[in-house]
All heavy atoms as atom14 arrays in JSON, in Angstrom:
{
  "sequence": "APGKEREGVSCISGGGGGTEYGNSVRGRFTISRDNAKNTVYLQMNNLK",
  "atom14_mask": [
    [1, 1, 1, 1, 1, 0, 0, 0, 0, 0, 0, 0, 0, 0],
    [1, 1, 1, 1, 1, 1, 1, 0, 0, 0, 0, 0, 0, 0],
    [1, 1, 1, 1, 0, 0, 0, 0, 0, 0, 0, 0, 0, 0],
    [1, 1, 1, 1, 1, 1, 1, 1, 1, 0, 0, 0, 0, 0],
    [1, 1, 1, 1, 1, 1, 1, 1, 1, 0, 0, 0, 0, 0],
    [1, 1, 1, 1, 1, 1, 1, 1, 1, 1, 1, 0, 0, 0],
    [1, 1, 1, 1, 1, 1, 1, 1, 1, 0, 0, 0, 0, 0],
    [1, 1, 1, 1, 0, 0, 0, 0, 0, 0, 0, 0, 0, 0],
    [1, 1, 1, 1, 1, 1, 1, 0, 0, 0, 0, 0, 0, 0],
    [1, 1, 1, 1, 1, 1, 0, 0, 0, 0, 0, 0, 0, 0],
    [1, 1, 1, 1, 1, 1, 0, 0, 0, 0, 0, 0, 0, 0],
    [1, 1, 1, 1, 1, 1, 1, 1, 0, 0, 0, 0, 0, 0],
    [1, 1, 1, 1, 1, 1, 0, 0, 0, 0, 0, 0, 0, 0],
    [1, 1, 1, 1, 0, 0, 0, 0, 0, 0, 0, 0, 0, 0],
    [1, 1, 1, 1, 0, 0, 0, 0, 0, 0, 0, 0, 0, 0],
    [1, 1, 1, 1, 0, 0, 0, 0, 0, 0, 0, 0, 0, 0],
    [1, 1, 1, 1, 0, 0, 0, 0, 0, 0, 0, 0, 0, 0],
    [1, 1, 1, 1, 0, 0, 0, 0, 0, 0, 0, 0, 0, 0],
    [1, 1, 1, 1, 1, 1, 1, 0, 0, 0, 0, 0, 0, 0],
    [1, 1, 1, 1, 1, 1, 1, 1, 1, 0, 0, 0, 0, 0],
    [1, 1, 1, 1, 1, 1, 1, 1, 1, 1, 1, 1, 0, 0],
    [1, 1, 1, 1, 0, 0, 0, 0, 0, 0, 0, 0, 0, 0],
    [1, 1, 1, 1, 1, 1, 1, 1, 0, 0, 0, 0, 0, 0],
    [1, 1, 1, 1, 1, 1, 0, 0, 0, 0, 0, 0, 0, 0],
    [1, 1, 1, 1, 1, 1, 1, 0, 0, 0, 0, 0, 0, 0],
    [1, 1, 1, 1, 1, 1, 1, 1, 1, 1, 1, 0, 0, 0],
    [1, 1, 1, 1, 0, 0, 0, 0, 0, 0, 0, 0, 0, 0],
    [1, 1, 1, 1, 1, 1, 1, 1, 1, 1, 1, 0, 0, 0],
    [1, 1, 1, 1, 1, 1, 1, 1, 1, 1, 1, 0, 0, 0],
    [1, 1, 1, 1, 1, 1, 1, 0, 0, 0, 0, 0, 0, 0],
    [1, 1, 1, 1, 1, 1, 1, 1, 0, 0, 0, 0, 0, 0],
    [1, 1, 1, 1, 1, 1, 0, 0, 0, 0, 0, 0, 0, 0],
    [1, 1, 1, 1, 1, 1, 1, 1, 1, 1, 1, 0, 0, 0],
    [1, 1, 1, 1, 1, 1, 1, 1, 0, 0, 0, 0, 0, 0],
    [1, 1, 1, 1, 1, 1, 1, 1, 0, 0, 0, 0, 0, 0],
    [1, 1, 1, 1, 1, 0, 0, 0, 0, 0, 0, 0, 0, 0],
    [1, 1, 1, 1, 1, 1, 1, 1, 1, 0, 0, 0, 0, 0],
    [1, 1, 1, 1, 1, 1, 1, 1, 0, 0, 0, 0, 0, 0],
    [1, 1, 1, 1, 1, 1, 1, 0, 0, 0, 0, 0, 0, 0],
    [1, 1, 1, 1, 1, 1, 1, 0, 0, 0, 0, 0, 0, 0],
    [1, 1, 1, 1, 1, 1, 1, 1, 1, 1, 1, 1, 0, 0],
    [1, 1, 1, 1, 1, 1, 1, 1, 0, 0, 0, 0, 0, 0],
    [1, 1, 1, 1, 1, 1, 1, 1, 1, 0, 0, 0, 0, 0],
    [1, 1, 1, 1, 1, 1, 1, 1, 0, 0, 0, 0, 0, 0],
    [1, 1, 1, 1, 1, 1, 1, 1, 0, 0, 0, 0, 0, 0],
    [1, 1, 1, 1, 1, 1, 1, 1, 0, 0, 0, 0, 0, 0],
    [1, 1, 1, 1, 1, 1, 1, 1, 0, 0, 0, 0, 0, 0],
    [1, 1, 1, 1, 1, 1, 1, 1, 1, 0, 0, 0, 0, 0]
  ],
  "atom14_positions": [
    [[0.85, -1.18, 0.0], [0.0, 0.0, 0.0], [0.89, 1.24, 0.0], [2.04, 1.17, 0.44], [-0.91, -0.01, 1.23], [0.0, 0.0, 0.0], [0.0, 0.0, 0.0], [0.0, 0.0, 0.0], [0.0, 0.0, 0.0], [0.0, 0.0, 0.0], [0.0, 0.0, 0.0], [0.0, 0.0, 0.0], [0.0, 0.0, 0.0], [0.0, 0.0, 0.0]],
    [[0.39, 2.36, -0.47], [1.2, 3.58, -0.51], [1.76, 3.92, 0.87], [1.03, 3.92, 1.87], [0.2, 4.64, -0.99], [-0.79, 3.89, -1.78], [-0.94, 2.57, -1.08], [0.0, 0.0, 0.0], [0.0, 0.0, 0.0], [0.0, 0.0, 0.0], [0.0, 0.0, 0.0], [0.0, 0.0, 0.0], [0.0, 0.0, 0.0], [0.0, 0.0, 0.0]],
    [[3.06, 4.18, 0.91], [3.7, 4.56, 2.15], [3.99, 3.43, 3.11], [4.46, 3.66, 4.22], [0.0, 0.0, 0.0], [0.0, 0.0, 0.0], [0.0, 0.0, 0.0], [0.0, 0.0, 0.0], [0.0, 0.0, 0.0], [0.0, 0.0, 0.0], [0.0, 0.0, 0.0], [0.0, 0.0, 0.0], [0.0, 0.0, 0.0], [0.0, 0.0, 0.0]],
    [[3.7, 2.19, 2.68], [3.93, 1.05, 3.56], [4.93, 0.08, 2.92], [5.16, 0.1, 1.72], [2.61, 0.33, 3.85], [1.62, 1.17, 4.66], [0.44, 0.34, 5.08], [-0.5, 1.15, 5.97], [-1.67, 0.33, 6.41], [0.0, 0.0, 0.0], [0.0, 0.0, 0.0], [0.0, 0.0, 0.0], [0.0, 0.0, 0.0], [0.0, 0.0, 0.0]],
    [[5.5, -0.78, 3.74], [6.43, -1.78, 3.26], [5.67, -2.91, 2.54], [4.49, -3.14, 2.8], [7.23, -2.36, 4.42], [8.19, -1.38, 5.06], [9.07, -2.03, 6.1], [8.84, -3.21, 6.42], [9.97, -1.36, 6.6], [0.0, 0.0, 0.0], [0.0, 0.0, 0.0], [0.0, 0.0, 0.0], [0.0, 0.0, 0.0], [0.0, 0.0, 0.0]],
    [[6.4, -3.59, 1.66], [5.8, -4.74, 0.99], [5.55, -5.84, 2.01], [6.43, -6.18, 2.81], [6.72, -5.21, -0.13], [6.07, -6.19, -1.09], [6.85, -6.3, -2.38], [6.81, -5.05, -3.15], [7.2, -4.95, -4.42], [7.64, -6.02, -5.06], [7.15, -3.79, -5.04], [0.0, 0.0, 0.0], [0.0, 0.0, 0.0], [0.0, 0.0, 0.0]],
    [[4.38, -6.41, 1.96], [3.93, -7.37, 2.97], [3.65, -8.72, 2.31], [2.98, -8.78, 1.27], [2.65, -6.84, 3.62], [1.95, -7.78, 4.57], [0.56, -7.31, 4.97], [0.03, -6.39, 4.31], [0.0, -7.87, 5.94], [0.0, 0.0, 0.0], [0.0, 0.0, 0.0], [0.0, 0.0, 0.0], [0.0, 0.0, 0.0], [0.0, 0.0, 0.0]],
    [[4.13, -9.79, 2.92], [3.82, -11.12, 2.43], [2.39, -11.49, 2.74], [1.95, -11.35, 3.88], [0.0, 0.0, 0.0], [0.0, 0.0, 0.0], [0.0, 0.0, 0.0], [0.0, 0.0, 0.0], [0.0, 0.0, 0.0], [0.0, 0.0, 0.0], [0.0, 0.0, 0.0], [0.0, 0.0, 0.0], [0.0, 0.0, 0.0], [0.0, 0.0, 0.0]],
    [[1.67, -11.96, 1.73], [0.26, -12.3, 1.88], [0.06, -13.8, 1.98], [-0.61, -14.29, 2.89], [-0.55, -11.73, 0.7], [-2.0, -12.21, 0.76], [-0.48, -10.21, 0.69], [0.0, 0.0, 0.0], [0.0, 0.0, 0.0], [0.0, 0.0, 0.0], [0.0, 0.0, 0.0], [0.0, 0.0, 0.0], [0.0, 0.0, 0.0], [0.0, 0.0, 0.0]],
    [[0.63, -14.53, 1.02], [0.42, -15.97, 1.0], [1.49, -16.61, 0.14], [2.06, -15.98, -0.75], [-0.97, -16.29, 0.43], [-1.23, -17.68, 0.51], [0.0, 0.0, 0.0], [0.0, 0.0, 0.0], [0.0, 0.0, 0.0], [0.0, 0.0, 0.0], [0.0, 0.0, 0.0], [0.0, 0.0, 0.0], [0.0, 0.0, 0.0], [0.0, 0.0, 0.0]],
    [[1.74, -17.89, 0.41], [2.74, -18.65, -0.33], [2.2, -20.05, -0.57], [1.48, -20.6, 0.28], [4.03, -18.71, 0.47], [5.35, -19.69, -0.3], [0.0, 0.0, 0.0], [0.0, 0.0, 0.0], [0.0, 0.0, 0.0], [0.0, 0.0, 0.0], [0.0, 0.0, 0.0], [0.0, 0.0, 0.0], [0.0, 0.0, 0.0], [0.0, 0.0, 0.0]],
    [[2.56, -20.63, -1.71], [2.2, -22.01, -2.0], [3.44, -22.72, -2.5], [4.19, -22.18, -3.33], [1.04, -22.09, -3.01], [0.54, -23.53, -3.14], [1.4, -21.48, -4.36], [-0.83, -23.64, -3.82], [0.0, 0.0, 0.0], [0.0, 0.0, 0.0], [0.0, 0.0, 0.0], [0.0, 0.0, 0.0], [0.0, 0.0, 0.0], [0.0, 0.0, 0.0]],
    [[3.68, -23.93, -2.02], [4.87, -24.68, -2.38], [4.82, -25.12, -3.84], [3.78, -25.04, -4.5], [5.01, -25.89, -1.46], [3.92, -26.78, -1.66], [0.0, 0.0, 0.0], [0.0, 0.0, 0.0], [0.0, 0.0, 0.0], [0.0, 0.0, 0.0], [0.0, 0.0, 0.0], [0.0, 0.0, 0.0], [0.0, 0.0, 0.0], [0.0, 0.0, 0.0]],
    [[5.96, -25.6, -4.32], [6.05, -25.96, -5.73], [4.99, -26.94, -6.19], [4.41, -26.79, -7.26], [0.0, 0.0, 0.0], [0.0, 0.0, 0.0], [0.0, 0.0, 0.0], [0.0, 0.0, 0.0], [0.0, 0.0, 0.0], [0.0, 0.0, 0.0], [0.0, 0.0, 0.0], [0.0, 0.0, 0.0], [0.0, 0.0, 0.0], [0.0, 0.0, 0.0]],
    [[4.74, -27.95, -5.37], [3.73, -28.94, -5.74], [2.33, -28.58, -5.32], [1.38, -29.27, -5.69], [0.0, 0.0, 0.0], [0.0, 0.0, 0.0], [0.0, 0.0, 0.0], [0.0, 0.0, 0.0], [0.0, 0.0, 0.0], [0.0, 0.0, 0.0], [0.0, 0.0, 0.0], [0.0, 0.0, 0.0], [0.0, 0.0, 0.0], [0.0, 0.0, 0.0]],
    [[2.2, -27.52, -4.54], [0.89, -27.07, -4.1], [0.41, -27.66, -2.8], [-0.67, -27.32, -2.31], [0.0, 0.0, 0.0], [0.0, 0.0, 0.0], [0.0, 0.0, 0.0], [0.0, 0.0, 0.0], [0.0, 0.0, 0.0], [0.0, 0.0, 0.0], [0.0, 0.0, 0.0], [0.0, 0.0, 0.0], [0.0, 0.0, 0.0], [0.0, 0.0, 0.0]],
    [[1.22, -28.54, -2.18], [0.77, -29.2, -0.97], [0.95, -28.41, 0.31], [0.38, -28.75, 1.33], [0.0, 0.0, 0.0], [0.0, 0.0, 0.0], [0.0, 0.0, 0.0], [0.0, 0.0, 0.0], [0.0, 0.0, 0.0], [0.0, 0.0, 0.0], [0.0, 0.0, 0.0], [0.0, 0.0, 0.0], [0.0, 0.0, 0.0], [0.0, 0.0, 0.0]],
    [[1.75, -27.37, 0.25], [2.0, -26.56, 1.44], [1.66, -25.11, 1.19], [1.94, -24.56, 0.12], [0.0, 0.0, 0.0], [0.0, 0.0, 0.0], [0.0, 0.0, 0.0], [0.0, 0.0, 0.0], [0.0, 0.0, 0.0], [0.0, 0.0, 0.0], [0.0, 0.0, 0.0], [0.0, 0.0, 0.0], [0.0, 0.0, 0.0], [0.0, 0.0, 0.0]],
    [[1.02, -24.48, 2.18], [0.65, -23.08, 2.04], [0.95, -22.33, 3.34], [1.01, -22.91, 4.42], [-0.85, -22.9, 1.72], [-1.63, -23.52, 2.75], [-1.2, -23.52, 0.38], [0.0, 0.0, 0.0], [0.0, 0.0, 0.0], [0.0, 0.0, 0.0], [0.0, 0.0, 0.0], [0.0, 0.0, 0.0], [0.0, 0.0, 0.0], [0.0, 0.0, 0.0]],
    [[1.14, -21.03, 3.19], [1.33, -20.15, 4.33], [0.52, -18.88, 4.07], [0.33, -18.48, 2.91], [2.8, -19.77, 4.52], [3.7, -20.91, 4.94], [3.52, -21.29, 6.4], [2.91, -20.51, 7.15], [4.01, -22.39, 6.79], [0.0, 0.0, 0.0], [0.0, 0.0, 0.0], [0.0, 0.0, 0.0], [0.0, 0.0, 0.0], [0.0, 0.0, 0.0]],
    [[0.06, -18.26, 5.15], [-0.71, -17.03, 5.03], [-0.23, -16.01, 6.06], [0.16, -16.37, 7.18], [-2.2, -17.3, 5.27], [-2.83, -18.18, 4.21], [-2.89, -19.55, 4.38], [-3.34, -17.62, 3.04], [-3.45, -20.36, 3.41], [-3.9, -18.43, 2.06], [-3.95, -19.8, 2.25], [-4.5, -20.6, 1.29], [0.0, 0.0, 0.0], [0.0, 0.0, 0.0]],
    [[-0.3, -14.73, 5.66], [-0.06, -13.68, 6.62], [-1.19, -13.6, 7.62], [-2.33, -13.98, 7.32], [0.0, 0.0, 0.0], [0.0, 0.0, 0.0], [0.0, 0.0, 0.0], [0.0, 0.0, 0.0], [0.0, 0.0, 0.0], [0.0, 0.0, 0.0], [0.0, 0.0, 0.0], [0.0, 0.0, 0.0], [0.0, 0.0, 0.0], [0.0, 0.0, 0.0]],
    [[-0.9, -13.1, 8.8], [-1.9, -13.07, 9.87], [-3.13, -12.25, 9.48], [-4.26, -12.57, 9.89], [-1.29, -12.5, 11.14], [-0.29, -13.44, 11.76], [-0.36, -14.65, 11.57], [0.66, -12.88, 12.49], [0.0, 0.0, 0.0], [0.0, 0.0, 0.0], [0.0, 0.0, 0.0], [0.0, 0.0, 0.0], [0.0, 0.0, 0.0], [0.0, 0.0, 0.0]],
    [[-2.92, -11.21, 8.69], [-4.03, -10.31, 8.38], [-5.01, -10.89, 7.36], [-6.11, -10.36, 7.2], [-3.49, -8.98, 7.86], [-2.72, -9.18, 6.68], [0.0, 0.0, 0.0], [0.0, 0.0, 0.0], [0.0, 0.0, 0.0], [0.0, 0.0, 0.0], [0.0, 0.0, 0.0], [0.0, 0.0, 0.0], [0.0, 0.0, 0.0], [0.0, 0.0, 0.0]],
    [[-4.62, -11.97, 6.67], [-5.51, -12.52, 5.63], [-5.94, -13.96, 5.92], [-6.79, -14.49, 5.21], [-4.84, -12.45, 4.25], [-4.39, -11.03, 3.94], [-3.69, -13.44, 4.13], [0.0, 0.0, 0.0], [0.0, 0.0, 0.0], [0.0, 0.0, 0.0], [0.0, 0.0, 0.0], [0.0, 0.0, 0.0], [0.0, 0.0, 0.0], [0.0, 0.0, 0.0]],
    [[-5.35, -14.57, 6.91], [-5.64, -15.98, 7.2], [-7.13, -16.15, 7.49], [-7.72, -15.39, 8.24], [-4.8, -16.47, 8.37], [-4.92, -17.99, 8.61], [-3.96, -18.44, 9.71], [-2.56, -18.32, 9.28], [-1.71, -17.46, 9.81], [-2.11, -16.64, 10.76], [-0.46, -17.42, 9.38], [0.0, 0.0, 0.0], [0.0, 0.0, 0.0], [0.0, 0.0, 0.0]],
    [[-7.73, -17.13, 6.84], [-9.16, -17.37, 7.01], [-10.02, -16.67, 5.99], [-11.21, -16.99, 5.84], [0.0, 0.0, 0.0], [0.0, 0.0, 0.0], [0.0, 0.0, 0.0], [0.0, 0.0, 0.0], [0.0, 0.0, 0.0], [0.0, 0.0, 0.0], [0.0, 0.0, 0.0], [0.0, 0.0, 0.0], [0.0, 0.0, 0.0], [0.0, 0.0, 0.0]],
    [[-9.46, -15.7, 5.29], [-10.21, -14.95, 4.27], [-9.68, -15.22, 2.86], [-10.43, -15.19, 1.89], [-10.15, -13.44, 4.55], [-10.76, -13.04, 5.89], [-10.84, -11.53, 6.03], [-9.52, -10.91, 6.03], [-9.14, -9.97, 5.14], [-9.98, -9.56, 4.21], [-7.92, -9.44, 5.21], [0.0, 0.0, 0.0], [0.0, 0.0, 0.0], [0.0, 0.0, 0.0]],
    [[-8.37, -15.44, 2.74], [-7.74, -15.65, 1.44], [-7.35, -17.12, 1.3], [-6.99, -17.77, 2.28], [-6.48, -14.8, 1.3], [-6.71, -13.32, 1.2], [-7.96, -12.75, 1.43], [-5.65, -12.48, 0.86], [-8.15, -11.38, 1.34], [-5.83, -11.11, 0.76], [-7.08, -10.56, 1.0], [0.0, 0.0, 0.0], [0.0, 0.0, 0.0], [0.0, 0.0, 0.0]],
    [[-7.4, -17.6, 0.06], [-6.98, -18.97, -0.24], [-6.1, -18.97, -1.48], [-6.49, -18.42, -2.52], [-8.19, -19.88, -0.49], [-9.06, -19.85, 0.65], [-7.74, -21.32, -0.73], [0.0, 0.0, 0.0], [0.0, 0.0, 0.0], [0.0, 0.0, 0.0], [0.0, 0.0, 0.0], [0.0, 0.0, 0.0], [0.0, 0.0, 0.0], [0.0, 0.0, 0.0]],
    [[-4.94, -19.58, -1.36], [-4.02, -19.67, -2.48], [-4.09, -21.07, -3.07], [-4.29, -22.06, -2.35], [-2.57, -19.33, -2.05], [-1.67, -19.11, -3.25], [-2.02, -20.37, -1.09], [-0.32, -18.52, -2.9], [0.0, 0.0, 0.0], [0.0, 0.0, 0.0], [0.0, 0.0, 0.0], [0.0, 0.0, 0.0], [0.0, 0.0, 0.0], [0.0, 0.0, 0.0]],
    [[-3.95, -21.15, -4.39], [-3.94, -22.44, -5.07], [-3.11, -22.31, -6.33], [-2.75, -21.2, -6.74], [-5.38, -22.89, -5.41], [-6.01, -21.96, -6.28], [0.0, 0.0, 0.0], [0.0, 0.0, 0.0], [0.0, 0.0, 0.0], [0.0, 0.0, 0.0], [0.0, 0.0, 0.0], [0.0, 0.0, 0.0], [0.0, 0.0, 0.0], [0.0, 0.0, 0.0]],
    [[-2.8, -23.43, -6.95], [-2.01, -23.38, -8.18], [-2.41, -24.5, -9.11], [-2.8, -25.58, -8.66], [-0.51, -23.38, -7.9], [0.07, -24.65, -7.36], [1.52, -24.44, -6.89], [2.4, -24.1, -8.01], [3.63, -23.58, -7.86], [4.11, -23.34, -6.65], [4.37, -23.3, -8.92], [0.0, 0.0, 0.0], [0.0, 0.0, 0.0], [0.0, 0.0, 0.0]],
    [[-2.27, -24.23, -10.4], [-2.49, -25.22, -11.45], [-1.2, -25.22, -12.28], [-1.02, -24.37, -13.16], [-3.7, -24.83, -12.29], [-4.05, -25.88, -13.35], [-3.15, -26.7, -13.68], [-5.18, -25.87, -13.84], [0.0, 0.0, 0.0], [0.0, 0.0, 0.0], [0.0, 0.0, 0.0], [0.0, 0.0, 0.0], [0.0, 0.0, 0.0], [0.0, 0.0, 0.0]],
    [[-0.32, -26.15, -12.0], [0.97, -26.16, -12.67], [0.84, -26.46, -14.16], [1.68, -26.04, -14.95], [1.91, -27.15, -12.0], [2.44, -26.63, -10.68], [2.48, -25.43, -10.45], [2.83, -27.53, -9.79], [0.0, 0.0, 0.0], [0.0, 0.0, 0.0], [0.0, 0.0, 0.0], [0.0, 0.0, 0.0], [0.0, 0.0, 0.0], [0.0, 0.0, 0.0]],
    [[-0.19, -27.18, -14.55], [-0.39, -27.45, -15.97], [-0.68, -26.17, -16.74], [-0.39, -26.08, -17.94], [-1.53, -28.44, -16.16], [0.0, 0.0, 0.0], [0.0, 0.0, 0.0], [0.0, 0.0, 0.0], [0.0, 0.0, 0.0], [0.0, 0.0, 0.0], [0.0, 0.0, 0.0], [0.0, 0.0, 0.0], [0.0, 0.0, 0.0], [0.0, 0.0, 0.0]],
    [[-1.23, -25.18, -16.04], [-1.52, -23.88, -16.65], [-0.51, -22.82, -16.26], [-0.68, -21.64, -16.6], [-2.93, -23.42, -16.26], [-4.04, -24.3, -16.77], [-5.41, -23.76, -16.39], [-6.52, -24.62, -16.95], [-7.87, -24.11, -16.56], [0.0, 0.0, 0.0], [0.0, 0.0, 0.0], [0.0, 0.0, 0.0], [0.0, 0.0, 0.0], [0.0, 0.0, 0.0]],
    [[0.51, -23.22, -15.5], [1.54, -22.27, -15.04], [0.91, -21.08, -14.32], [1.35, -19.94, -14.47], [2.39, -21.76, -16.21], [3.18, -22.86, -16.88], [3.67, -23.77, -16.2], [3.3, -22.78, -18.19], [0.0, 0.0, 0.0], [0.0, 0.0, 0.0], [0.0, 0.0, 0.0], [0.0, 0.0, 0.0], [0.0, 0.0, 0.0], [0.0, 0.0, 0.0]],
    [[-0.11, -21.34, -13.53], [-0.87, -20.25, -12.91], [-1.09, -20.51, -11.43], [-1.37, -21.65, -11.02], [-2.23, -20.08, -13.61], [-2.0, -19.76, -14.99], [-3.02, -18.93, -12.99], [0.0, 0.0, 0.0], [0.0, 0.0, 0.0], [0.0, 0.0, 0.0], [0.0, 0.0, 0.0], [0.0, 0.0, 0.0], [0.0, 0.0, 0.0], [0.0, 0.0, 0.0]],
    [[-0.94, -19.45, -10.65], [-1.25, -19.45, -9.23], [-2.39, -18.47, -8.99], [-2.42, -17.39, -9.58], [-0.01, -19.04, -8.4], [-0.36, -18.86, -6.93], [1.09, -20.08, -8.56], [0.0, 0.0, 0.0], [0.0, 0.0, 0.0], [0.0, 0.0, 0.0], [0.0, 0.0, 0.0], [0.0, 0.0, 0.0], [0.0, 0.0, 0.0], [0.0, 0.0, 0.0]],
    [[-3.32, -18.87, -8.15], [-4.5, -18.07, -7.88], [-4.51, -17.59, -6.42], [-3.99, -18.28, -5.53], [-5.77, -18.87, -8.14], [-5.84, -19.45, -9.53], [-5.48, -20.77, -9.77], [-6.28, -18.68, -10.6], [-5.54, -21.31, -11.05], [-6.35, -19.21, -11.89], [-5.97, -20.53, -12.09], [-6.03, -21.05, -13.36], [0.0, 0.0, 0.0], [0.0, 0.0, 0.0]],
    [[-5.14, -16.46, -6.2], [-5.39, -15.99, -4.85], [-6.86, -15.59, -4.76], [-7.26, -14.58, -5.33], [-4.5, -14.8, -4.49], [-4.61, -14.33, -3.04], [-4.04, -15.38, -2.08], [-3.9, -12.99, -2.83], [0.0, 0.0, 0.0], [0.0, 0.0, 0.0], [0.0, 0.0, 0.0], [0.0, 0.0, 0.0], [0.0, 0.0, 0.0], [0.0, 0.0, 0.0]],
    [[-7.64, -16.43, -4.1], [-9.05, -16.13, -3.87], [-9.16, -15.29, -2.62], [-8.74, -15.71, -1.54], [-9.84, -17.42, -3.72], [-11.32, -17.21, -3.42], [-12.07, -16.58, -4.58], [-11.87, -16.96, -5.74], [-12.93, -15.62, -4.28], [0.0, 0.0, 0.0], [0.0, 0.0, 0.0], [0.0, 0.0, 0.0], [0.0, 0.0, 0.0], [0.0, 0.0, 0.0]],
    [[-9.73, -14.11, -2.76], [-9.83, -13.17, -1.65], [-11.3, -12.93, -1.33], [-12.04, -12.4, -2.17], [-9.14, -11.85, -2.01], [-7.71, -12.02, -2.47], [-6.85, -10.45, -2.74], [-7.82, -9.77, -4.07], [0.0, 0.0, 0.0], [0.0, 0.0, 0.0], [0.0, 0.0, 0.0], [0.0, 0.0, 0.0], [0.0, 0.0, 0.0], [0.0, 0.0, 0.0]],
    [[-11.7, -13.32, -0.14], [-13.09, -13.17, 0.3], [-13.16, -12.21, 1.48], [-12.17, -11.94, 2.15], [-13.66, -14.53, 0.71], [-13.72, -15.51, -0.44], [-13.89, -15.13, -1.61], [-13.59, -16.79, -0.12], [0.0, 0.0, 0.0], [0.0, 0.0, 0.0], [0.0, 0.0, 0.0], [0.0, 0.0, 0.0], [0.0, 0.0, 0.0], [0.0, 0.0, 0.0]],
    [[-14.35, -11.71, 1.72], [-14.59, -10.78, 2.83], [-13.55, -9.66, 2.85], [-12.92, -9.39, 3.88], [-14.58, -11.54, 4.16], [-15.05, -10.7, 5.32], [-15.76, -9.71, 5.15], [-14.64, -11.08, 6.53], [0.0, 0.0, 0.0], [0.0, 0.0, 0.0], [0.0, 0.0, 0.0], [0.0, 0.0, 0.0], [0.0, 0.0, 0.0], [0.0, 0.0, 0.0]],
    [[-13.39, -9.03, 1.71], [-12.36, -8.0, 1.59], [-12.67, -6.79, 2.45], [-13.84, -6.42, 2.65], [-12.22, -7.59, 0.13], [-11.43, -8.59, -0.72], [-11.71, -8.39, -2.21], [-9.94, -8.46, -0.44], [0.0, 0.0, 0.0], [0.0, 0.0, 0.0], [0.0, 0.0, 0.0], [0.0, 0.0, 0.0], [0.0, 0.0, 0.0], [0.0, 0.0, 0.0]],
    [[-11.62, -6.18, 2.96], [-11.71, -5.03, 3.85], [-10.97, -3.86, 3.22], [-10.06, -4.06, 2.41], [-11.09, -5.36, 5.2], [-11.68, -6.59, 5.87], [-10.94, -6.92, 7.16], [-11.52, -8.16, 7.83], [-10.82, -8.48, 9.1], [0.0, 0.0, 0.0], [0.0, 0.0, 0.0], [0.0, 0.0, 0.0], [0.0, 0.0, 0.0], [0.0, 0.0, 0.0]]
  ]
}
């Protein structure tokens, strides 16, 4: 955000089996990946 440091939101491991979330988004955001499509998704719900 403007005037703020870059913040880690979420991470997904290479195979997709492991994920991590920042405290501010845990429970609201979901990360996933489709390696066949070379794409990673971030589903963001209940946005603030």
